Amino acid sequence: MAHVKSGGRTRQGTPRVGRRLGIKLFGGELAKVGDIIVRQIGSSFHNGKGTKFGKDYTIFAIKEGKVSFKIRKGRRFVEVI
């Protein structure tokens, strides 16, 4: 006799699409105005010079330049210089 119930359709759960989170532009890459740099849940990365937060914590560029990642006081910042 089986010790675990069979994994039928009801126990597999509904397949869901991924949320496409992560870093979209890496350090040294050129960013244009409005380009998304990081998509995240919560503030793992903080906005620095030349960037702003969206309402879902997305960090995007507000000026043109190169993307750079810095660590200050234990926090990770994203800047466009």
N, C-alpha and C. Protein backbone atom coordinates (compact mmCIF):
# COMPACT_ATOMS: atom_id res chain seq x y z
N MET A 1 0.84 -1.18 0.00
CA MET A 1 0.00 0.00 0.00
C MET A 1 0.89 1.25 0.00
N ALA A 2 0.46 2.26 -0.73
CA ALA A 2 1.26 3.48 -0.85
C ALA A 2 1.22 4.30 0.44
N HIS A 3 2.33 4.92 0.77
CA HIS A 3 2.39 5.76 1.97
C HIS A 3 2.03 7.20 1.66
N VAL A 4 2.09 7.59 0.40
CA VAL A 4 1.78 8.96 -0.01
C VAL A 4 0.67 8.89 -1.04
N LYS A 5 -0.29 9.79 -0.90
CA LYS A 5 -1.38 9.80 -1.88
C LYS A 5 -0.82 10.15 -3.25
N SER A 6 -1.49 9.68 -4.26
CA SER A 6 -1.00 9.90 -5.62
C SER A 6 -1.07 11.39 -5.98
N GLY A 7 -0.12 11.83 -6.79
CA GLY A 7 -0.06 13.23 -7.18
C GLY A 7 -0.91 13.48 -8.41
N GLY A 8 -2.19 13.45 -8.25
CA GLY A 8 -3.10 13.69 -9.37
C GLY A 8 -3.19 15.16 -9.71
N ARG A 9 -4.09 15.52 -10.61
CA ARG A 9 -4.23 16.91 -11.07
C ARG A 9 -4.57 17.86 -9.92
N THR A 10 -5.35 17.42 -8.97
CA THR A 10 -5.78 18.33 -7.91
C THR A 10 -4.64 18.67 -6.95
N ARG A 11 -3.61 17.84 -6.86
CA ARG A 11 -2.52 18.09 -5.93
C ARG A 11 -1.33 18.80 -6.58
N GLN A 12 -1.38 19.01 -7.88
CA GLN A 12 -0.24 19.63 -8.57
C GLN A 12 -0.24 21.14 -8.49
N GLY A 13 -1.38 21.74 -8.27
CA GLY A 13 -1.45 23.20 -8.21
C GLY A 13 -1.55 23.80 -9.61
N THR A 14 -1.95 25.07 -9.64
CA THR A 14 -2.14 25.76 -10.91
C THR A 14 -0.80 26.28 -11.41
N PRO A 15 -0.44 26.02 -12.66
CA PRO A 15 0.81 26.58 -13.18
C PRO A 15 0.69 28.10 -13.33
N ARG A 16 1.68 28.81 -12.81
CA ARG A 16 1.66 30.27 -12.87
C ARG A 16 2.90 30.76 -13.60
N VAL A 17 2.75 31.85 -14.28
CA VAL A 17 3.89 32.42 -15.01
C VAL A 17 4.82 33.11 -14.02
N GLY A 18 6.12 33.17 -14.37
CA GLY A 18 7.09 33.86 -13.53
C GLY A 18 6.86 35.36 -13.54
N ARG A 19 7.44 36.05 -12.56
CA ARG A 19 7.19 37.49 -12.42
C ARG A 19 8.24 38.35 -13.10
N ARG A 20 9.24 37.74 -13.71
CA ARG A 20 10.26 38.47 -14.49
C ARG A 20 10.96 39.53 -13.65
N LEU A 21 11.36 39.16 -12.44
CA LEU A 21 12.06 40.08 -11.56
C LEU A 21 13.56 40.00 -11.82
N GLY A 22 14.30 40.95 -11.26
CA GLY A 22 15.75 40.90 -11.35
C GLY A 22 16.35 42.16 -11.94
N ILE A 23 17.64 42.10 -12.18
CA ILE A 23 18.38 43.24 -12.72
C ILE A 23 18.25 43.21 -14.24
N LYS A 24 17.81 44.32 -14.81
CA LYS A 24 17.61 44.41 -16.26
C LYS A 24 18.78 45.09 -16.96
N LEU A 25 19.43 46.04 -16.29
CA LEU A 25 20.63 46.69 -16.82
C LEU A 25 21.74 46.54 -15.79
N PHE A 26 22.87 46.03 -16.20
CA PHE A 26 23.97 45.78 -15.29
C PHE A 26 24.94 46.96 -15.26
N GLY A 27 25.87 46.94 -14.32
CA GLY A 27 26.84 48.01 -14.17
C GLY A 27 27.64 48.25 -15.44
N GLY A 28 27.79 49.52 -15.83
CA GLY A 28 28.54 49.87 -17.02
C GLY A 28 27.68 49.99 -18.27
N GLU A 29 26.45 49.49 -18.24
CA GLU A 29 25.58 49.60 -19.40
C GLU A 29 24.96 50.99 -19.46
N LEU A 30 24.61 51.43 -20.66
CA LEU A 30 24.00 52.73 -20.85
C LEU A 30 22.50 52.66 -20.61
N ALA A 31 21.99 53.64 -19.88
CA ALA A 31 20.56 53.72 -19.59
C ALA A 31 20.00 55.00 -20.21
N LYS A 32 18.83 54.87 -20.83
CA LYS A 32 18.12 56.03 -21.34
C LYS A 32 17.06 56.43 -20.31
N VAL A 33 16.48 57.60 -20.49
CA VAL A 33 15.44 58.07 -19.57
C VAL A 33 14.26 57.10 -19.62
N GLY A 34 13.84 56.64 -18.45
CA GLY A 34 12.69 55.73 -18.34
C GLY A 34 13.04 54.26 -18.41
N ASP A 35 14.28 53.92 -18.67
CA ASP A 35 14.68 52.50 -18.72
C ASP A 35 14.57 51.88 -17.33
N ILE A 36 14.01 50.67 -17.29
CA ILE A 36 13.94 49.93 -16.03
C ILE A 36 15.30 49.30 -15.77
N ILE A 37 15.81 49.51 -14.56
CA ILE A 37 17.12 48.97 -14.19
C ILE A 37 16.95 47.72 -13.33
N VAL A 38 16.08 47.78 -12.32
CA VAL A 38 15.85 46.64 -11.42
C VAL A 38 14.36 46.49 -11.19
N ARG A 39 13.87 45.25 -11.32
CA ARG A 39 12.49 44.92 -10.91
C ARG A 39 12.62 44.05 -9.67
N GLN A 40 11.94 44.43 -8.58
CA GLN A 40 12.15 43.74 -7.31
C GLN A 40 10.88 43.76 -6.46
N ILE A 41 10.86 42.87 -5.47
CA ILE A 41 9.82 42.87 -4.44
C ILE A 41 10.47 43.46 -3.20
N GLY A 42 9.97 44.57 -2.72
CA GLY A 42 10.61 45.25 -1.60
C GLY A 42 11.86 45.97 -2.07
N SER A 43 12.57 46.60 -1.15
CA SER A 43 13.71 47.41 -1.55
C SER A 43 15.03 46.71 -1.25
N SER A 44 15.37 45.70 -2.03
CA SER A 44 16.68 45.06 -1.93
C SER A 44 17.75 46.02 -2.41
N PHE A 45 17.44 46.73 -3.49
CA PHE A 45 18.30 47.79 -4.01
C PHE A 45 17.60 49.12 -3.75
N HIS A 46 18.39 50.15 -3.44
CA HIS A 46 17.84 51.48 -3.18
C HIS A 46 18.22 52.41 -4.32
N ASN A 47 17.40 53.43 -4.52
CA ASN A 47 17.67 54.35 -5.62
C ASN A 47 18.69 55.40 -5.20
N GLY A 48 19.64 55.65 -6.10
CA GLY A 48 20.67 56.65 -5.88
C GLY A 48 20.48 57.80 -6.85
N LYS A 49 21.59 58.45 -7.21
CA LYS A 49 21.53 59.59 -8.12
C LYS A 49 21.07 59.13 -9.50
N GLY A 50 20.17 59.90 -10.09
CA GLY A 50 19.71 59.62 -11.44
C GLY A 50 18.68 58.51 -11.56
N THR A 51 18.16 58.03 -10.43
CA THR A 51 17.15 56.97 -10.47
C THR A 51 16.01 57.30 -9.51
N LYS A 52 14.87 56.64 -9.74
CA LYS A 52 13.71 56.79 -8.86
C LYS A 52 13.05 55.45 -8.65
N PHE A 53 12.24 55.35 -7.58
CA PHE A 53 11.45 54.17 -7.28
C PHE A 53 10.09 54.28 -7.97
N GLY A 54 9.60 53.18 -8.52
CA GLY A 54 8.20 53.09 -8.93
C GLY A 54 7.38 52.64 -7.75
N LYS A 55 6.06 52.58 -7.90
CA LYS A 55 5.21 52.20 -6.75
C LYS A 55 5.36 50.73 -6.37
N ASP A 56 5.88 49.91 -7.29
CA ASP A 56 6.12 48.49 -6.98
C ASP A 56 7.62 48.23 -6.74
N TYR A 57 8.35 49.25 -6.31
CA TYR A 57 9.79 49.19 -5.99
C TYR A 57 10.67 48.99 -7.22
N THR A 58 10.13 49.18 -8.41
CA THR A 58 10.94 49.15 -9.62
C THR A 58 11.85 50.38 -9.63
N ILE A 59 13.11 50.18 -9.94
CA ILE A 59 14.04 51.31 -10.05
C ILE A 59 14.24 51.62 -11.52
N PHE A 60 14.03 52.89 -11.89
CA PHE A 60 14.16 53.30 -13.29
C PHE A 60 14.99 54.56 -13.39
N ALA A 61 15.52 54.80 -14.58
CA ALA A 61 16.43 55.93 -14.81
C ALA A 61 15.62 57.20 -15.09
N ILE A 62 16.09 58.33 -14.53
CA ILE A 62 15.47 59.62 -14.84
C ILE A 62 16.41 60.52 -15.63
N LYS A 63 17.60 60.00 -15.94
CA LYS A 63 18.51 60.73 -16.84
C LYS A 63 19.35 59.70 -17.58
N GLU A 64 20.01 60.14 -18.64
CA GLU A 64 20.85 59.24 -19.42
C GLU A 64 22.23 59.12 -18.79
N GLY A 65 22.82 57.94 -18.93
CA GLY A 65 24.16 57.73 -18.41
C GLY A 65 24.45 56.27 -18.19
N LYS A 66 25.57 56.00 -17.51
CA LYS A 66 25.98 54.63 -17.21
C LYS A 66 25.43 54.19 -15.86
N VAL A 67 25.02 52.93 -15.80
CA VAL A 67 24.50 52.35 -14.57
C VAL A 67 25.67 51.92 -13.69
N SER A 68 25.58 52.22 -12.38
CA SER A 68 26.59 51.73 -11.45
C SER A 68 25.91 51.28 -10.16
N PHE A 69 26.49 50.26 -9.55
CA PHE A 69 25.99 49.72 -8.29
C PHE A 69 27.00 50.02 -7.21
N LYS A 70 26.56 50.57 -6.08
CA LYS A 70 27.44 50.92 -4.98
C LYS A 70 26.87 50.39 -3.68
N ILE A 71 27.77 50.19 -2.71
CA ILE A 71 27.33 49.79 -1.37
C ILE A 71 27.76 50.88 -0.41
N ARG A 72 26.78 51.48 0.29
CA ARG A 72 27.03 52.52 1.28
C ARG A 72 26.28 52.18 2.55
N LYS A 73 26.99 52.11 3.66
CA LYS A 73 26.39 51.81 4.96
C LYS A 73 25.58 50.52 4.93
N GLY A 74 26.08 49.53 4.21
CA GLY A 74 25.43 48.23 4.17
C GLY A 74 24.24 48.13 3.24
N ARG A 75 23.92 49.21 2.53
CA ARG A 75 22.80 49.19 1.59
C ARG A 75 23.33 49.21 0.17
N ARG A 76 22.63 48.52 -0.72
CA ARG A 76 23.01 48.50 -2.13
C ARG A 76 22.25 49.59 -2.88
N PHE A 77 22.98 50.45 -3.54
CA PHE A 77 22.39 51.56 -4.28
C PHE A 77 22.64 51.39 -5.77
N VAL A 78 21.68 51.88 -6.56
CA VAL A 78 21.80 51.90 -8.01
C VAL A 78 21.83 53.35 -8.44
N GLU A 79 22.80 53.72 -9.28
CA GLU A 79 22.95 55.09 -9.74
C GLU A 79 23.09 55.12 -11.25
N VAL A 80 22.70 56.26 -11.82
CA VAL A 80 22.98 56.52 -13.24
C VAL A 80 23.82 57.78 -13.29
N ILE A 81 25.05 57.63 -13.77
CA ILE A 81 26.00 58.75 -13.77
C ILE A 81 26.31 59.17 -15.19
